[in-house]
Protein backbone atom coordinates (compact mmCIF):
# COMPACT_ATOMS: atom_id res chain seq x y z
CA MET A 1 0.22 0.00 -0.27
CA VAL A 2 1.42 3.45 -0.96
CA ALA A 3 0.01 6.83 0.53
CA ASP A 4 -0.73 9.68 -1.58
CA GLY A 5 0.99 13.05 -0.75
CA LEU A 6 -1.80 14.69 0.63
CA SER A 7 -2.57 11.63 3.38
CA ARG A 8 1.11 11.92 4.73
CA ILE A 9 1.44 12.98 8.60
CA TYR A 10 4.81 15.47 8.87
CA GLU A 11 5.80 15.54 12.86
CA ASP A 12 7.20 18.94 12.62
CA ALA A 13 3.73 20.30 10.62
CA VAL A 14 1.96 23.31 11.97
CA GLU A 15 -1.47 24.19 11.71
CA ILE A 16 -2.74 27.55 11.02
CA SER A 17 -6.49 28.58 11.19
CA ALA A 18 -7.77 31.87 10.90
CA ILE A 19 -11.40 33.56 10.83
CA SER A 20 -11.91 36.50 9.13
CA THR A 21 -14.86 38.63 9.53
CA VAL A 22 -16.50 41.72 7.45
CA SER A 23 -16.64 44.74 9.56
CA CYS A 24 -18.94 47.48 8.01
CA ASP A 25 -18.98 51.02 9.45
CA TRP A 26 -22.36 51.82 7.96
CA LEU A 27 -23.96 49.25 10.30
CA LYS A 28 -22.66 51.70 13.24
CA GLU A 29 -23.91 54.90 11.28
CA ILE A 30 -27.40 53.41 11.03
CA LYS A 31 -27.86 52.25 14.85
CA ILE A 32 -26.55 56.01 15.70
CA MET A 33 -29.23 57.15 12.77
CA CYS A 34 -32.16 55.17 14.25
CA SER A 35 -31.18 56.37 18.08
CA GLU A 36 -31.16 60.28 17.16
CA ASP A 37 -33.22 60.87 13.96
CA ASP A 38 -36.59 62.47 14.80
CA PHE A 39 -37.80 60.20 11.53
CA PHE A 40 -37.36 57.02 13.89
CA LYS A 41 -38.87 58.62 16.97
CA GLU A 42 -41.80 59.23 14.92
CA ILE A 43 -41.63 55.68 13.72
CA ASP A 44 -41.42 54.33 16.91
CA ASP A 45 -44.45 56.60 18.81
CA LYS A 46 -46.43 55.50 15.24
CA LEU A 47 -45.64 51.73 16.31
CA GLN A 48 -46.27 52.13 20.30
CA GLN A 49 -50.12 53.67 19.22
CA GLY A 50 -50.57 50.86 16.53
CA HIS A 51 -50.62 53.24 13.77
CA LEU A 52 -48.09 51.11 11.82
CA SER A 53 -48.27 47.59 11.07
CA SER A 54 -46.11 45.56 13.16
CA GLU A 55 -46.02 42.75 10.21
CA GLU A 56 -44.26 45.52 8.12
CA TYR A 57 -42.27 47.66 10.51
CA SER A 58 -39.92 46.16 13.13
CA ARG A 59 -36.60 47.10 15.15
CA ARG A 60 -33.84 44.55 15.94
CA GLU A 61 -30.49 45.37 17.73
CA GLY A 62 -31.14 49.33 17.26
CA VAL A 63 -31.88 49.02 13.35
CA TYR A 64 -35.68 49.60 12.00
CA TYR A 65 -36.55 47.47 9.47
CA TYR A 66 -39.74 47.77 6.87
CA LYS A 67 -41.00 44.78 4.99
CA GLY A 68 -37.48 42.84 6.53
CA ARG A 69 -35.43 45.82 4.71
CA ILE A 70 -33.20 48.47 6.40
CA LEU A 71 -35.06 51.55 7.13
CA LEU A 72 -33.22 54.53 6.17
CA SER A 73 -34.01 58.12 7.11
CA PRO A 74 -34.65 60.41 4.14
CA ASN A 75 -32.55 63.04 6.11
CA ALA A 76 -29.76 60.42 5.64
CA GLN A 77 -28.20 61.63 2.25
CA ASP A 78 -24.43 61.06 3.50
CA LEU A 79 -25.07 57.54 4.56
CA LYS A 80 -27.11 56.63 1.62
CA THR A 81 -24.09 58.07 -0.68
CA SER A 82 -21.71 56.26 1.39
CA LEU A 83 -23.64 53.11 0.90
CA LEU A 84 -23.78 53.76 -2.83
CA ASN A 85 -20.03 54.31 -2.92
CA GLU A 86 -19.43 50.89 -0.94
CA HIS A 87 -21.76 48.97 -2.97
CA HIS A 88 -20.61 50.19 -6.33
CA ASN A 89 -16.66 50.33 -5.75
CA SER A 90 -16.29 47.32 -3.46
CA PRO A 91 -14.16 44.49 -5.16
CA SER A 92 -16.54 42.23 -4.24
CA ALA A 93 -19.52 44.48 -6.51
CA GLY A 94 -17.21 44.35 -9.71
CA HIS A 95 -18.41 47.66 -10.74
CA SER A 96 -21.61 46.29 -11.90
CA GLY A 97 -23.06 49.57 -13.08
CA ILE A 98 -25.70 51.78 -11.48
CA THR A 99 -28.61 49.81 -12.35
CA ARG A 100 -27.58 46.59 -10.86
CA THR A 101 -25.94 48.66 -7.63
CA LEU A 102 -29.19 50.19 -7.13
CA HIS A 103 -31.09 47.14 -7.47
CA ARG A 104 -28.52 45.10 -4.90
CA LEU A 105 -29.16 47.96 -2.43
CA ARG A 106 -33.08 47.83 -2.80
CA ARG A 107 -32.78 44.29 -1.71
CA SER A 108 -31.33 45.09 1.57
CA PHE A 109 -32.22 48.98 2.06
CA TYR A 110 -35.92 50.91 2.00
């Protein structure tokens, strides 16, 4: 019986494991926006009074959602620009053009 090169055990072998995570600054910005922007204070008041559907609107871990998508304030132009740049210019986005970038953003944000 002959062992192949992948099944051999080396006595001095060292195993290296690494875990990489994605860190996004915009999530921190969204949480700050949700806690400070008057738009979200109104949303929260309307939710508590029963004027908005709890099936459509929700809040988890400091972030508001509308129909499962992250809800952005109409006042957050800088954040919207930052998200657009990040989703268009990131290596994983591959410069897919404005139409595809907008569709990708609309799947996650409202």
